[in-house]
Amino acid sequence: MNESNKKNFLLEVTSLAMKISRKYVEPYSHPKSPQKYTQSQLLTILILRAYLKTTYRGIIEIIETSDQLQKRLLLKRLPSYSTLKHFADRSHVLEIIDKMLADIIQQFAPDAEEATLDSTGMETSSMSAHYRTRSGKARKKYVKLSLCVLVGSMFPAGLVVSWGPYNDKREARPLLAKTKTVTQPQRLFADKGYDAEWVHEFCREDWNVESWIPPAVHRDDGGVNGYYRSLMTEEKLKEKGYGKRWIVESFMSGLKRTTGSALCARTEKSLFTEAGLRVLAYALRR
């Protein structure tokens, strides 16, 4: 993408983010607030920061040099980096991200027929894997993104942010519950990390969605417990299009190539918010 196209793209993302965010945030956090900037403006700046992989100071410097961005943001003055950080640290930002992702689905992919689940890790340090190995420093934990991505449109319909490493089934219930409120696909694909009878029961009985997940076989005789798990034969999985599960991996690969795999924040709340904003920023660019 050349410089001109990149600028036009950022302007389009800014306009879309401003338009959608206005639906889910009040103009100001309190009637007696200074009212220098709307919450929609601050949230959109945070989305741009996430997409551009920069700091709070860095995004302010970028906006300062662009009259067009300032115009799209409807800014009369530039916020300080501390104003942005204070807004980002508010606990309700992740809730707003959920609502904006749902809005994107309703606008651009309301009739998705298939979806797929998976998770990925976001580093809390810029230390490379090679350096960590050479230095002998173990990777203790990372920010874990659990996502439901729609096949076809490749839009994220559900997002849960937590600490890893943990079994994927730990985040499966809240992830499925969020996605259920947003979309109604016919089929759902996931890898063995989500293999559990209760996952199938939620999908097929509560959500009316066909779940297709390869069973993790632990019995010596190769058998599988559970009615729905016993239906997950290789032939049936192939027939139902299980190969489309790679869509979620493609989304995560694109997310990290575009917005980076290492987060800049340091506190738990800020790390989780930044990870969610990166998913939202990547969804808006699509």
C-alpha atoms as a PDB file:
ATOM      1  CA  MET A   1       0.000   0.000   0.000  1.00  0.00           C
ATOM      2  CA  ASN A   2       1.550   3.307  -1.090  1.00  0.00           C
ATOM      3  CA  GLU A   3       1.544   6.396   1.129  1.00  0.00           C
ATOM      4  CA  SER A   4      -1.442   8.009  -0.589  1.00  0.00           C
ATOM      5  CA  ASN A   5      -3.587   4.873  -0.311  1.00  0.00           C
ATOM      6  CA  LYS A   6      -2.542   4.450   3.326  1.00  0.00           C
ATOM      7  CA  LYS A   7      -3.683   7.985   4.158  1.00  0.00           C
ATOM      8  CA  ASN A   8      -7.024   7.470   2.406  1.00  0.00           C
ATOM      9  CA  PHE A   9      -7.449   4.169   4.190  1.00  0.00           C
ATOM     10  CA  LEU A  10      -6.832   5.742   7.609  1.00  0.00           C
ATOM     11  CA  LEU A  11      -9.372   8.443   6.821  1.00  0.00           C
ATOM     12  CA  GLU A  12     -11.988   5.825   5.902  1.00  0.00           C
ATOM     13  CA  VAL A  13     -11.315   3.822   9.086  1.00  0.00           C
ATOM     14  CA  THR A  14     -11.556   7.030  11.125  1.00  0.00           C
ATOM     15  CA  SER A  15     -14.920   7.955   9.613  1.00  0.00           C
ATOM     16  CA  LEU A  16     -16.350   4.455  10.130  1.00  0.00           C
ATOM     17  CA  ALA A  17     -15.076   4.241  13.714  1.00  0.00           C
ATOM     18  CA  MET A  18     -16.558   7.657  14.541  1.00  0.00           C
ATOM     19  CA  LYS A  19     -19.896   6.700  12.993  1.00  0.00           C
ATOM     20  CA  ILE A  20     -20.237   3.361  14.807  1.00  0.00           C
ATOM     21  CA  SER A  21     -18.837   4.451  18.171  1.00  0.00           C
ATOM     22  CA  ARG A  22     -21.329   7.313  18.500  1.00  0.00           C
ATOM     23  CA  LYS A  23     -24.082   4.721  18.838  1.00  0.00           C
ATOM     24  CA  TYR A  24     -22.575   3.166  21.946  1.00  0.00           C
ATOM     25  CA  VAL A  25     -20.983   5.975  23.959  1.00  0.00           C
ATOM     26  CA  GLU A  26     -22.443   9.161  25.350  1.00  0.00           C
ATOM     27  CA  PRO A  27     -20.777  12.311  24.033  1.00  0.00           C
ATOM     28  CA  TYR A  28     -19.211  12.932  27.442  1.00  0.00           C
ATOM     29  CA  SER A  29     -18.571  10.711  30.444  1.00  0.00           C
ATOM     30  CA  HIS A  30     -20.211  13.139  32.874  1.00  0.00           C
ATOM     31  CA  PRO A  31     -22.366  16.290  32.540  1.00  0.00           C
ATOM     32  CA  LYS A  32     -19.742  18.229  34.510  1.00  0.00           C
ATOM     33  CA  SER A  33     -16.736  16.946  32.575  1.00  0.00           C
ATOM     34  CA  PRO A  34     -14.543  19.550  30.788  1.00  0.00           C
ATOM     35  CA  GLN A  35     -16.165  18.437  27.485  1.00  0.00           C
ATOM     36  CA  LYS A  36     -13.051  19.159  25.440  1.00  0.00           C
ATOM     37  CA  TYR A  37     -13.263  15.837  23.578  1.00  0.00           C
ATOM     38  CA  THR A  38     -16.118  13.433  23.008  1.00  0.00           C
ATOM     39  CA  GLN A  39     -15.764   9.810  24.025  1.00  0.00           C
ATOM     40  CA  SER A  40     -16.243   8.868  20.382  1.00  0.00           C
ATOM     41  CA  GLN A  41     -13.227  10.965  19.401  1.00  0.00           C
ATOM     42  CA  LEU A  42     -11.035   9.410  22.090  1.00  0.00           C
ATOM     43  CA  LEU A  43     -12.140   5.876  21.252  1.00  0.00           C
ATOM     44  CA  THR A  44     -11.452   6.415  17.555  1.00  0.00           C
ATOM     45  CA  ILE A  45      -7.968   7.729  18.334  1.00  0.00           C
ATOM     46  CA  LEU A  46      -7.318   4.599  20.398  1.00  0.00           C
ATOM     47  CA  ILE A  47      -8.435   2.461  17.441  1.00  0.00           C
ATOM     48  CA  LEU A  48      -6.009   4.315  15.165  1.00  0.00           C
ATOM     49  CA  ARG A  49      -3.246   3.852  17.749  1.00  0.00           C
ATOM     50  CA  ALA A  50      -3.908   0.103  17.843  1.00  0.00           C
ATOM     51  CA  TYR A  51      -3.865  -0.191  14.072  1.00  0.00           C
ATOM     52  CA  LEU A  52      -0.688   1.863  13.647  1.00  0.00           C
ATOM     53  CA  LYS A  53       1.151   0.012  16.454  1.00  0.00           C
ATOM     54  CA  THR A  54       2.260   3.199  18.125  1.00  0.00           C
ATOM     55  CA  THR A  55       2.275   4.783  21.579  1.00  0.00           C
ATOM     56  CA  TYR A  56      -0.127   7.334  23.059  1.00  0.00           C
ATOM     57  CA  ARG A  57       2.397  10.063  22.292  1.00  0.00           C
ATOM     58  CA  GLY A  58       2.996   8.606  18.849  1.00  0.00           C
ATOM     59  CA  ILE A  59      -0.641   8.712  17.723  1.00  0.00           C
ATOM     60  CA  ILE A  60      -0.990  12.320  18.916  1.00  0.00           C
ATOM     61  CA  GLU A  61       2.074  13.251  16.822  1.00  0.00           C
ATOM     62  CA  ILE A  62       0.599  11.506  13.771  1.00  0.00           C
ATOM     63  CA  ILE A  63      -2.742  13.331  14.119  1.00  0.00           C
ATOM     64  CA  GLU A  64      -0.944  16.625  14.722  1.00  0.00           C
ATOM     65  CA  THR A  65       0.684  16.403  11.289  1.00  0.00           C
ATOM     66  CA  SER A  66      -2.581  15.552   9.455  1.00  0.00           C
ATOM     67  CA  ASP A  67      -5.218  18.241   8.986  1.00  0.00           C
ATOM     68  CA  GLN A  68      -7.443  15.650   7.283  1.00  0.00           C
ATOM     69  CA  LEU A  69      -7.387  13.304  10.277  1.00  0.00           C
ATOM     70  CA  GLN A  70      -8.170  16.195  12.593  1.00  0.00           C
ATOM     71  CA  LYS A  71     -11.101  17.115  10.353  1.00  0.00           C
ATOM     72  CA  ARG A  72     -12.480  13.541  10.300  1.00  0.00           C
ATOM     73  CA  LEU A  73     -12.098  13.394  14.075  1.00  0.00           C
ATOM     74  CA  LEU A  74     -13.836  16.774  14.426  1.00  0.00           C
ATOM     75  CA  LEU A  75     -11.032  17.918  16.708  1.00  0.00           C
ATOM     76  CA  LYS A  76     -10.703  21.556  17.726  1.00  0.00           C
ATOM     77  CA  ARG A  77      -7.646  20.762  19.832  1.00  0.00           C
ATOM     78  CA  LEU A  78      -5.410  17.734  20.377  1.00  0.00           C
ATOM     79  CA  PRO A  79      -5.822  15.634  23.519  1.00  0.00           C
ATOM     80  CA  SER A  80      -2.797  14.896  25.657  1.00  0.00           C
ATOM     81  CA  TYR A  81      -1.406  11.370  25.802  1.00  0.00           C
ATOM     82  CA  SER A  82      -2.478  11.164  29.461  1.00  0.00           C
ATOM     83  CA  THR A  83      -6.094  11.882  28.457  1.00  0.00           C
ATOM     84  CA  LEU A  84      -5.981   8.968  26.030  1.00  0.00           C
ATOM     85  CA  LYS A  85      -4.459   6.628  28.607  1.00  0.00           C
ATOM     86  CA  HIS A  86      -7.031   7.593  31.219  1.00  0.00           C
ATOM     87  CA  PHE A  87      -9.836   6.842  28.779  1.00  0.00           C
ATOM     88  CA  ALA A  88      -8.252   3.534  27.714  1.00  0.00           C
ATOM     89  CA  ASP A  89      -8.003   2.403  31.332  1.00  0.00           C
ATOM     90  CA  ARG A  90     -11.744   2.673  31.858  1.00  0.00           C
ATOM     91  CA  SER A  91     -13.277  -0.744  32.420  1.00  0.00           C
ATOM     92  CA  HIS A  92     -16.128  -0.311  29.930  1.00  0.00           C
ATOM     93  CA  VAL A  93     -13.979   0.023  26.794  1.00  0.00           C
ATOM     94  CA  LEU A  94     -14.007  -3.747  26.158  1.00  0.00           C
ATOM     95  CA  GLU A  95     -17.806  -3.720  26.429  1.00  0.00           C
ATOM     96  CA  ILE A  96     -17.954  -0.975  23.795  1.00  0.00           C
ATOM     97  CA  ILE A  97     -15.662  -3.034  21.564  1.00  0.00           C
ATOM     98  CA  ASP A  98     -18.099  -5.972  21.804  1.00  0.00           C
ATOM     99  CA  LYS A  99     -20.982  -3.715  20.757  1.00  0.00           C
ATOM    100  CA  MET A 100     -19.040  -2.222  17.846  1.00  0.00           C
ATOM    101  CA  LEU A 101     -18.032  -5.679  16.576  1.00  0.00           C
ATOM    102  CA  ALA A 102     -21.699  -6.724  16.717  1.00  0.00           C
ATOM    103  CA  ASP A 103     -22.631  -3.595  14.755  1.00  0.00           C
ATOM    104  CA  ILE A 104     -20.062  -4.419  12.070  1.00  0.00           C
ATOM    105  CA  ILE A 105     -21.509  -7.930  11.721  1.00  0.00           C
ATOM    106  CA  GLN A 106     -25.054  -6.595  11.374  1.00  0.00           C
ATOM    107  CA  GLN A 107     -23.945  -4.124   8.697  1.00  0.00           C
ATOM    108  CA  PHE A 108     -21.571  -6.200   6.632  1.00  0.00           C
ATOM    109  CA  ALA A 109     -22.182  -9.919   7.359  1.00  0.00           C
ATOM    110  CA  PRO A 110     -25.718 -10.420   8.698  1.00  0.00           C
ATOM    111  CA  ASP A 111     -26.340 -13.784   7.006  1.00  0.00           C
ATOM    112  CA  ALA A 112     -23.159 -15.731   7.728  1.00  0.00           C
ATOM    113  CA  GLU A 113     -23.653 -19.480   7.365  1.00  0.00           C
ATOM    114  CA  GLU A 114     -20.447 -20.731   8.999  1.00  0.00           C
ATOM    115  CA  ALA A 115     -18.124 -19.690  11.808  1.00  0.00           C
ATOM    116  CA  THR A 116     -14.956 -20.995  13.411  1.00  0.00           C
ATOM    117  CA  LEU A 117     -13.278 -20.716  16.833  1.00  0.00           C
ATOM    118  CA  ASP A 118      -9.653 -20.506  17.907  1.00  0.00           C
ATOM    119  CA  SER A 119      -7.265 -18.592  20.145  1.00  0.00           C
ATOM    120  CA  THR A 120      -3.890 -16.925  19.827  1.00  0.00           C
ATOM    121  CA  GLY A 121      -1.365 -15.282  22.132  1.00  0.00           C
ATOM    122  CA  MET A 122      -0.255 -11.652  22.197  1.00  0.00           C
ATOM    123  CA  GLU A 123       3.112 -10.987  23.802  1.00  0.00           C
ATOM    124  CA  THR A 124       3.404  -8.578  26.726  1.00  0.00           C
ATOM    125  CA  SER A 125       7.009  -7.804  25.848  1.00  0.00           C
ATOM    126  CA  SER A 126       8.842  -6.936  22.638  1.00  0.00           C
ATOM    127  CA  MET A 127      11.449  -9.587  23.486  1.00  0.00           C
ATOM    128  CA  SER A 128      11.722 -11.962  20.523  1.00  0.00           C
ATOM    129  CA  ALA A 129      11.233 -15.708  20.865  1.00  0.00           C
ATOM    130  CA  HIS A 130      14.826 -16.221  19.662  1.00  0.00           C
ATOM    131  CA  TYR A 131      16.246 -13.916  22.345  1.00  0.00           C
ATOM    132  CA  ARG A 132      14.080 -15.520  25.036  1.00  0.00           C
ATOM    133  CA  THR A 133      15.414 -18.951  24.063  1.00  0.00           C
ATOM    134  CA  ARG A 134      19.054 -17.808  23.983  1.00  0.00           C
ATOM    135  CA  SER A 135      18.750 -15.963  27.291  1.00  0.00           C
ATOM    136  CA  GLY A 136      16.978 -18.852  28.998  1.00  0.00           C
ATOM    137  CA  LYS A 137      14.065 -16.665  30.072  1.00  0.00           C
ATOM    138  CA  ALA A 138      10.873 -18.696  30.086  1.00  0.00           C
ATOM    139  CA  ARG A 139       7.640 -17.366  28.682  1.00  0.00           C
ATOM    140  CA  LYS A 140       5.456 -17.258  31.807  1.00  0.00           C
ATOM    141  CA  LYS A 141       2.180 -15.898  30.454  1.00  0.00           C
ATOM    142  CA  TYR A 142       0.700 -13.959  27.594  1.00  0.00           C
ATOM    143  CA  VAL A 143      -2.528 -12.184  26.697  1.00  0.00           C
ATOM    144  CA  LYS A 144      -4.820 -14.725  25.097  1.00  0.00           C
ATOM    145  CA  LEU A 145      -7.311 -13.730  22.407  1.00  0.00           C
ATOM    146  CA  SER A 146     -10.154 -16.185  21.871  1.00  0.00           C
ATOM    147  CA  LEU A 147     -12.121 -15.403  18.724  1.00  0.00           C
ATOM    148  CA  CYS A 148     -15.083 -16.548  16.699  1.00  0.00           C
ATOM    149  CA  VAL A 149     -14.528 -15.582  13.053  1.00  0.00           C
ATOM    150  CA  LEU A 150     -17.139 -15.807  10.321  1.00  0.00           C
ATOM    151  CA  VAL A 151     -16.255 -17.891   7.270  1.00  0.00           C
ATOM    152  CA  GLY A 152     -16.531 -15.883   4.055  1.00  0.00           C
ATOM    153  CA  SER A 153     -16.433 -12.345   5.412  1.00  0.00           C
ATOM    154  CA  MET A 154     -13.653 -13.101   7.936  1.00  0.00           C
ATOM    155  CA  PHE A 155     -15.207 -10.701  10.453  1.00  0.00           C
ATOM    156  CA  PRO A 156     -14.794 -11.412  14.199  1.00  0.00           C
ATOM    157  CA  ALA A 157     -18.207 -12.064  15.748  1.00  0.00           C
ATOM    158  CA  GLY A 158     -17.025 -12.806  19.280  1.00  0.00           C
ATOM    159  CA  LEU A 159     -14.002 -11.866  21.387  1.00  0.00           C
ATOM    160  CA  VAL A 160     -12.763 -12.887  24.845  1.00  0.00           C
ATOM    161  CA  VAL A 161      -9.502 -11.570  26.295  1.00  0.00           C
ATOM    162  CA  SER A 162      -7.788 -13.471  29.115  1.00  0.00           C
ATOM    163  CA  TRP A 163      -4.422 -14.704  30.329  1.00  0.00           C
ATOM    164  CA  GLY A 164      -2.747 -17.711  28.789  1.00  0.00           C
ATOM    165  CA  PRO A 165      -1.708 -20.427  28.664  1.00  0.00           C
ATOM    166  CA  TYR A 166      -4.927 -22.209  29.579  1.00  0.00           C
ATOM    167  CA  ASN A 167      -7.101 -24.816  27.908  1.00  0.00           C
ATOM    168  CA  ASP A 168      -9.313 -23.250  25.216  1.00  0.00           C
ATOM    169  CA  LYS A 169     -12.453 -24.648  26.835  1.00  0.00           C
ATOM    170  CA  ARG A 170     -11.976 -22.167  29.693  1.00  0.00           C
ATOM    171  CA  GLU A 171     -12.951 -19.291  27.378  1.00  0.00           C
ATOM    172  CA  ALA A 172     -15.347 -21.299  25.214  1.00  0.00           C
ATOM    173  CA  ARG A 173     -18.498 -20.643  27.242  1.00  0.00           C
ATOM    174  CA  PRO A 174     -18.280 -16.808  27.336  1.00  0.00           C
ATOM    175  CA  LEU A 175     -17.081 -16.756  23.719  1.00  0.00           C
ATOM    176  CA  LEU A 176     -20.008 -18.851  22.497  1.00  0.00           C
ATOM    177  CA  ALA A 177     -22.458 -16.845  24.598  1.00  0.00           C
ATOM    178  CA  LYS A 178     -21.235 -13.563  23.104  1.00  0.00           C
ATOM    179  CA  THR A 179     -21.330 -14.903  19.559  1.00  0.00           C
ATOM    180  CA  LYS A 180     -24.842 -16.270  20.023  1.00  0.00           C
ATOM    181  CA  THR A 181     -26.157 -12.730  20.594  1.00  0.00           C
ATOM    182  CA  VAL A 182     -24.544 -11.490  17.388  1.00  0.00           C
ATOM    183  CA  THR A 183     -25.047 -14.077  14.660  1.00  0.00           C
ATOM    184  CA  GLN A 184     -26.863 -17.315  13.782  1.00  0.00           C
ATOM    185  CA  PRO A 185     -24.679 -19.470  11.528  1.00  0.00           C
ATOM    186  CA  GLN A 186     -25.638 -22.969  10.439  1.00  0.00           C
ATOM    187  CA  ARG A 187     -22.296 -24.605  11.263  1.00  0.00           C
ATOM    188  CA  LEU A 188     -19.423 -23.969  13.669  1.00  0.00           C
ATOM    189  CA  PHE A 189     -15.921 -25.419  13.305  1.00  0.00           C
ATOM    190  CA  ALA A 190     -13.252 -25.664  16.022  1.00  0.00           C
ATOM    191  CA  ASP A 191     -10.124 -27.699  16.728  1.00  0.00           C
ATOM    192  CA  LYS A 192      -9.613 -30.366  19.391  1.00  0.00           C
ATOM    193  CA  GLY A 193      -8.924 -27.748  22.024  1.00  0.00           C
ATOM    194  CA  TYR A 194     -12.698 -27.126  22.180  1.00  0.00           C
ATOM    195  CA  ASP A 195     -13.671 -30.805  22.254  1.00  0.00           C
ATOM    196  CA  ALA A 196     -16.254 -31.325  24.998  1.00  0.00           C
ATOM    197  CA  GLU A 197     -19.777 -32.697  25.045  1.00  0.00           C
ATOM    198  CA  TRP A 198     -21.085 -29.536  26.736  1.00  0.00           C
ATOM    199  CA  VAL A 199     -19.723 -27.418  23.869  1.00  0.00           C
ATOM    200  CA  HIS A 200     -21.741 -29.493  21.400  1.00  0.00           C
ATOM    201  CA  GLU A 201     -24.801 -29.314  23.649  1.00  0.00           C
ATOM    202  CA  PHE A 202     -24.593 -25.521  23.852  1.00  0.00           C
ATOM    203  CA  CYS A 203     -24.196 -25.170  20.086  1.00  0.00           C
ATOM    204  CA  ARG A 204     -26.760 -27.729  18.975  1.00  0.00           C
ATOM    205  CA  GLU A 205     -29.402 -27.488  21.713  1.00  0.00           C
ATOM    206  CA  ASP A 206     -29.186 -23.882  22.963  1.00  0.00           C
ATOM    207  CA  TRP A 207     -27.983 -22.121  19.810  1.00  0.00           C
ATOM    208  CA  ASN A 208     -29.317 -24.425  17.075  1.00  0.00           C
ATOM    209  CA  VAL A 209     -25.927 -24.513  15.325  1.00  0.00           C
ATOM    210  CA  GLU A 210     -24.191 -27.658  14.059  1.00  0.00           C
ATOM    211  CA  SER A 211     -20.853 -27.962  15.863  1.00  0.00           C
ATOM    212  CA  TRP A 212     -18.031 -29.871  14.169  1.00  0.00           C
ATOM    213  CA  ILE A 213     -15.008 -30.513  16.372  1.00  0.00           C
ATOM    214  CA  PRO A 214     -12.583 -33.458  16.060  1.00  0.00           C
ATOM    215  CA  PRO A 215     -12.704 -35.497  19.286  1.00  0.00           C
ATOM    216  CA  ALA A 216      -9.604 -35.914  21.417  1.00  0.00           C
ATOM    217  CA  VAL A 217      -9.425 -39.688  21.962  1.00  0.00           C
ATOM    218  CA  HIS A 218      -8.199 -40.737  25.412  1.00  0.00           C
ATOM    219  CA  ARG A 219      -9.639 -44.254  25.702  1.00  0.00           C
ATOM    220  CA  ASP A 220      -7.417 -47.262  25.039  1.00  0.00           C
ATOM    221  CA  ASP A 221     -10.005 -48.780  22.721  1.00  0.00           C
ATOM    222  CA  GLY A 222     -10.167 -45.600  20.611  1.00  0.00           C
ATOM    223  CA  GLY A 223     -13.763 -44.957  21.588  1.00  0.00           C
ATOM    224  CA  VAL A 224     -15.339 -41.583  22.313  1.00  0.00           C
ATOM    225  CA  ASN A 225     -17.735 -40.751  25.138  1.00  0.00           C
ATOM    226  CA  GLY A 226     -20.764 -38.541  24.583  1.00  0.00           C
ATOM    227  CA  TYR A 227     -23.545 -38.652  21.993  1.00  0.00           C
ATOM    228  CA  TYR A 228     -22.454 -35.633  19.941  1.00  0.00           C
ATOM    229  CA  ARG A 229     -18.741 -36.379  20.244  1.00  0.00           C
ATOM    230  CA  SER A 230     -19.379 -39.845  18.805  1.00  0.00           C
ATOM    231  CA  LEU A 231     -20.784 -38.215  15.654  1.00  0.00           C
ATOM    232  CA  MET A 232     -17.481 -36.462  14.901  1.00  0.00           C
ATOM    233  CA  THR A 233     -16.012 -39.005  12.469  1.00  0.00           C
ATOM    234  CA  GLU A 234     -13.360 -38.022   9.941  1.00  0.00           C
ATOM    235  CA  GLU A 235     -15.766 -38.719   7.085  1.00  0.00           C
ATOM    236  CA  LYS A 236     -18.501 -36.548   8.579  1.00  0.00           C
ATOM    237  CA  LEU A 237     -16.130 -33.703   9.390  1.00  0.00           C
ATOM    238  CA  LYS A 238     -14.835 -33.685   5.828  1.00  0.00           C
ATOM    239  CA  GLU A 239     -18.369 -33.837   4.413  1.00  0.00           C
ATOM    240  CA  LYS A 240     -19.436 -30.822   6.482  1.00  0.00           C
ATOM    241  CA  GLY A 241     -16.502 -28.694   5.288  1.00  0.00           C
ATOM    242  CA  TYR A 242     -14.256 -28.857   8.340  1.00  0.00           C
ATOM    243  CA  GLY A 243     -11.312 -27.675   6.232  1.00  0.00           C
ATOM    244  CA  LYS A 244     -12.760 -24.152   6.450  1.00  0.00           C
ATOM    245  CA  ARG A 245     -11.554 -24.008  10.038  1.00  0.00           C
ATOM    246  CA  TRP A 246      -8.311 -22.504   8.707  1.00  0.00           C
ATOM    247  CA  ILE A 247     -10.189 -19.203   8.166  1.00  0.00           C
ATOM    248  CA  VAL A 248      -9.739 -18.241  11.821  1.00  0.00           C
ATOM    249  CA  GLU A 249      -6.008 -18.971  11.610  1.00  0.00           C
ATOM    250  CA  SER A 250      -5.766 -16.768   8.528  1.00  0.00           C
ATOM    251  CA  PHE A 251      -7.554 -13.976  10.406  1.00  0.00           C
ATOM    252  CA  MET A 252      -5.150 -14.220  13.341  1.00  0.00           C
ATOM    253  CA  SER A 253      -2.138 -14.259  11.049  1.00  0.00           C
ATOM    254  CA  GLY A 254      -3.371 -11.123   9.292  1.00  0.00           C
ATOM    255  CA  LEU A 255      -4.158  -9.476  12.628  1.00  0.00           C
ATOM    256  CA  LYS A 256      -0.599  -9.960  13.870  1.00  0.00           C
ATOM    257  CA  ARG A 257       1.034  -8.964  10.593  1.00  0.00           C
ATOM    258  CA  THR A 258      -1.030  -5.768  10.503  1.00  0.00           C
ATOM    259  CA  THR A 259      -1.198  -4.670  14.132  1.00  0.00           C
ATOM    260  CA  GLY A 260       1.731  -6.587  15.627  1.00  0.00           C
ATOM    261  CA  SER A 261       2.015  -9.514  18.026  1.00  0.00           C
ATOM    262  CA  ALA A 262       3.519  -7.615  20.981  1.00  0.00           C
ATOM    263  CA  LEU A 263       1.388  -5.284  23.086  1.00  0.00           C
ATOM    264  CA  CYS A 264       2.681  -1.937  24.356  1.00  0.00           C
ATOM    265  CA  ALA A 265       0.645  -1.628  27.571  1.00  0.00           C
ATOM    266  CA  ARG A 266       1.834  -2.823  30.976  1.00  0.00           C
ATOM    267  CA  THR A 267      -1.124  -3.166  33.365  1.00  0.00           C
ATOM    268  CA  GLU A 268      -3.632  -6.012  32.965  1.00  0.00           C
ATOM    269  CA  LYS A 269      -6.556  -3.727  32.174  1.00  0.00           C
ATOM    270  CA  SER A 270      -4.542  -1.768  29.610  1.00  0.00           C
ATOM    271  CA  LEU A 271      -3.181  -4.946  28.008  1.00  0.00           C
ATOM    272  CA  PHE A 272      -6.653  -6.457  27.632  1.00  0.00           C
ATOM    273  CA  THR A 273      -8.049  -3.200  26.241  1.00  0.00           C
ATOM    274  CA  GLU A 274      -5.203  -2.835  23.742  1.00  0.00           C
ATOM    275  CA  ALA A 275      -5.659  -6.424  22.540  1.00  0.00           C
ATOM    276  CA  GLY A 276      -9.400  -5.856  22.037  1.00  0.00           C
ATOM    277  CA  LEU A 277      -8.780  -2.578  20.212  1.00  0.00           C
ATOM    278  CA  ARG A 278      -6.408  -4.313  17.812  1.00  0.00           C
ATOM    279  CA  VAL A 279      -9.107  -6.822  16.884  1.00  0.00           C
ATOM    280  CA  LEU A 280     -11.607  -3.981  16.379  1.00  0.00           C
ATOM    281  CA  ALA A 281      -9.127  -1.953  14.319  1.00  0.00           C
ATOM    282  CA  TYR A 282      -8.411  -4.954  12.092  1.00  0.00           C
ATOM    283  CA  ALA A 283     -12.141  -5.612  11.665  1.00  0.00           C
ATOM    284  CA  LEU A 284     -12.769  -1.980  10.653  1.00  0.00           C
ATOM    285  CA  ARG A 285     -10.055  -2.116   7.989  1.00  0.00           C
ATOM    286  CA  ARG A 286     -11.831  -5.000   6.271  1.00  0.00           C
END
